[in-house]
Every structure is written in C-alpha cells, then in structure tokens.
Amino acid sequence: MNTDETNNQYFFSSNFYLSIFLTLKNLRLVDIDRTNPQRAQFIFIDIPEREALVRQYNFAERNSPEVMVDAREFEQAIKSLKDRLYQERE
C-alpha cells in the first residue's frame, strides 16, 4: 500500500477544538503526531461524513443544531484529549 492510500484512510487536524468536536461526533482518534513540537496533529480514522462535519464546525450558524453538543461531554472530551496529549509526551 502506498503512502497516498494510507493517508486517505486518515484525517489530520492540528485544530484542538475541531478535534474535540470530531471526537464528540464519534470519529475515532487513533494517534497524535508530535513531529512538530510546536503543534500536534490529531489523526482520525476518516469517514465519509467527516467532510460535512468539518464544514458544519467551521460554517454553521450560531446555535445550529448540527454543532450543538452537551457541555459536560465537551468538558470531558477536552480533559480526555489533553490527558492523552500530555501523557504521551512523558
């Protein structure tokens, strides 16, 4: 399998809050790439719906139901992603 085919299976984002949103929308985070020590890349298994989710996150109207998430789940997802981000550095 070549690198292009492998990369098409994954979605990469360095946007922390987009990564939280995608996590809450059930995309599976498989790894965190720290090649650039200034900015981590979150790596997700890509799914067909991902493009629409990113579009919703970036362009949905304020209070749009597509981007509304439970505040407690949002807080827990932030804690979980930060734990994973910093734990793997040690």
C-alpha atoms as a PDB file:
ATOM      1  CA  MET A   1       0.000   0.000   0.000  1.00  0.00           C
ATOM      2  CA  ASN A   2       1.466   3.384  -0.907  1.00  0.00           C
ATOM      3  CA  THR A   3       1.585   6.452   1.334  1.00  0.00           C
ATOM      4  CA  ASP A   4      -1.202   8.282  -0.530  1.00  0.00           C
ATOM      5  CA  GLU A   5      -3.595   5.364   0.003  1.00  0.00           C
ATOM      6  CA  THR A   6      -2.663   5.205   3.687  1.00  0.00           C
ATOM      7  CA  ASN A   7      -3.127   8.969   4.154  1.00  0.00           C
ATOM      8  CA  ASN A   8      -6.581   8.763   2.528  1.00  0.00           C
ATOM      9  CA  GLN A   9      -7.678   6.466   5.346  1.00  0.00           C
ATOM     10  CA  TYR A  10      -6.897   9.139   7.924  1.00  0.00           C
ATOM     11  CA  PHE A  11      -7.836  12.730   8.612  1.00  0.00           C
ATOM     12  CA  PHE A  12      -5.232  15.018  10.181  1.00  0.00           C
ATOM     13  CA  SER A  13      -6.023  18.166  12.142  1.00  0.00           C
ATOM     14  CA  SER A  14      -3.920  20.472  14.274  1.00  0.00           C
ATOM     15  CA  ASN A  15      -7.043  22.322  15.460  1.00  0.00           C
ATOM     16  CA  PHE A  16      -7.630  21.234  19.063  1.00  0.00           C
ATOM     17  CA  TYR A  17     -11.289  22.275  19.265  1.00  0.00           C
ATOM     18  CA  LEU A  18     -12.165  20.794  15.874  1.00  0.00           C
ATOM     19  CA  SER A  19     -10.599  17.580  17.136  1.00  0.00           C
ATOM     20  CA  ILE A  20     -12.804  17.739  20.230  1.00  0.00           C
ATOM     21  CA  PHE A  21     -15.867  18.281  18.040  1.00  0.00           C
ATOM     22  CA  LEU A  22     -14.954  15.349  15.772  1.00  0.00           C
ATOM     23  CA  THR A  23     -14.389  13.153  18.813  1.00  0.00           C
ATOM     24  CA  LEU A  24     -17.850  14.057  20.095  1.00  0.00           C
ATOM     25  CA  LYS A  25     -19.263  13.214  16.661  1.00  0.00           C
ATOM     26  CA  ASN A  26     -17.776   9.709  17.009  1.00  0.00           C
ATOM     27  CA  LEU A  27     -14.694   9.945  14.821  1.00  0.00           C
ATOM     28  CA  ARG A  28     -12.021   7.685  16.244  1.00  0.00           C
ATOM     29  CA  LEU A  29      -8.769   9.361  17.247  1.00  0.00           C
ATOM     30  CA  VAL A  30      -6.010   6.855  16.539  1.00  0.00           C
ATOM     31  CA  ASP A  31      -2.846   8.818  17.220  1.00  0.00           C
ATOM     32  CA  ILE A  32      -1.262  12.169  17.924  1.00  0.00           C
ATOM     33  CA  ASP A  33       1.696  13.160  15.750  1.00  0.00           C
ATOM     34  CA  ARG A  34       4.229  15.348  17.559  1.00  0.00           C
ATOM     35  CA  THR A  35       6.776  15.610  14.748  1.00  0.00           C
ATOM     36  CA  ASN A  36       6.431  19.397  15.060  1.00  0.00           C
ATOM     37  CA  PRO A  37       6.936  20.102  18.782  1.00  0.00           C
ATOM     38  CA  GLN A  38       5.076  23.418  18.413  1.00  0.00           C
ATOM     39  CA  ARG A  39       1.849  21.957  17.032  1.00  0.00           C
ATOM     40  CA  ALA A  40       0.495  18.446  17.450  1.00  0.00           C
ATOM     41  CA  GLN A  41      -1.508  16.764  14.692  1.00  0.00           C
ATOM     42  CA  PHE A  42      -4.524  14.722  15.735  1.00  0.00           C
ATOM     43  CA  ILE A  43      -5.037  11.698  13.497  1.00  0.00           C
ATOM     44  CA  PHE A  44      -8.514  10.260  12.994  1.00  0.00           C
ATOM     45  CA  ILE A  45      -9.851   7.315  11.028  1.00  0.00           C
ATOM     46  CA  ASP A  46     -11.516   9.090   8.112  1.00  0.00           C
ATOM     47  CA  ILE A  47     -15.178   8.502   7.351  1.00  0.00           C
ATOM     48  CA  PRO A  48     -17.354   9.809   4.511  1.00  0.00           C
ATOM     49  CA  GLU A  49     -19.268  12.117   6.894  1.00  0.00           C
ATOM     50  CA  ARG A  50     -16.097  13.824   8.118  1.00  0.00           C
ATOM     51  CA  GLU A  51     -16.048  16.469   5.384  1.00  0.00           C
ATOM     52  CA  ALA A  52     -19.603  17.565   6.250  1.00  0.00           C
ATOM     53  CA  LEU A  53     -18.763  17.633   9.954  1.00  0.00           C
ATOM     54  CA  VAL A  54     -15.749  19.880   9.370  1.00  0.00           C
ATOM     55  CA  ARG A  55     -17.887  22.154   7.211  1.00  0.00           C
ATOM     56  CA  GLN A  56     -20.526  22.304   9.943  1.00  0.00           C
ATOM     57  CA  TYR A  57     -17.918  23.107  12.583  1.00  0.00           C
ATOM     58  CA  ASN A  58     -16.428  25.905  10.500  1.00  0.00           C
ATOM     59  CA  PHE A  59     -19.506  27.449   8.892  1.00  0.00           C
ATOM     60  CA  ALA A  60     -22.693  26.535  10.762  1.00  0.00           C
ATOM     61  CA  GLU A  61     -24.877  29.341  12.039  1.00  0.00           C
ATOM     62  CA  ARG A  62     -24.672  30.158  15.726  1.00  0.00           C
ATOM     63  CA  ASN A  63     -26.855  27.768  17.784  1.00  0.00           C
ATOM     64  CA  SER A  64     -27.244  25.448  14.806  1.00  0.00           C
ATOM     65  CA  PRO A  65     -28.378  22.001  15.996  1.00  0.00           C
ATOM     66  CA  GLU A  66     -25.650  20.346  13.885  1.00  0.00           C
ATOM     67  CA  VAL A  67     -22.902  21.798  16.072  1.00  0.00           C
ATOM     68  CA  MET A  68     -24.587  21.806  19.456  1.00  0.00           C
ATOM     69  CA  VAL A  69     -23.020  19.377  21.931  1.00  0.00           C
ATOM     70  CA  ASP A  70     -23.618  18.617  25.583  1.00  0.00           C
ATOM     71  CA  ALA A  71     -21.448  20.893  27.742  1.00  0.00           C
ATOM     72  CA  ARG A  72     -20.489  18.067  30.114  1.00  0.00           C
ATOM     73  CA  GLU A  73     -19.458  15.825  27.237  1.00  0.00           C
ATOM     74  CA  PHE A  74     -17.487  18.731  25.740  1.00  0.00           C
ATOM     75  CA  GLU A  75     -15.665  19.305  29.042  1.00  0.00           C
ATOM     76  CA  GLN A  76     -14.920  15.596  29.434  1.00  0.00           C
ATOM     77  CA  ALA A  77     -13.645  15.350  25.846  1.00  0.00           C
ATOM     78  CA  ILE A  78     -11.291  18.313  26.456  1.00  0.00           C
ATOM     79  CA  LYS A  79      -9.906  16.688  29.604  1.00  0.00           C
ATOM     80  CA  SER A  80      -9.514  13.340  27.885  1.00  0.00           C
ATOM     81  CA  LEU A  81      -7.759  14.763  24.819  1.00  0.00           C
ATOM     82  CA  LYS A  82      -5.441  16.923  26.948  1.00  0.00           C
ATOM     83  CA  ASP A  83      -4.588  13.916  29.130  1.00  0.00           C
ATOM     84  CA  ARG A  84      -3.733  11.903  26.040  1.00  0.00           C
ATOM     85  CA  LEU A  85      -1.793  14.772  24.501  1.00  0.00           C
ATOM     86  CA  TYR A  86       0.396  15.380  27.557  1.00  0.00           C
ATOM     87  CA  GLN A  87       0.589  11.797  28.833  1.00  0.00           C
ATOM     88  CA  GLU A  88       2.167  10.552  25.632  1.00  0.00           C
ATOM     89  CA  ARG A  89       4.912  13.201  25.885  1.00  0.00           C
ATOM     90  CA  GLU A  90       6.315  11.678  29.058  1.00  0.00           C
END
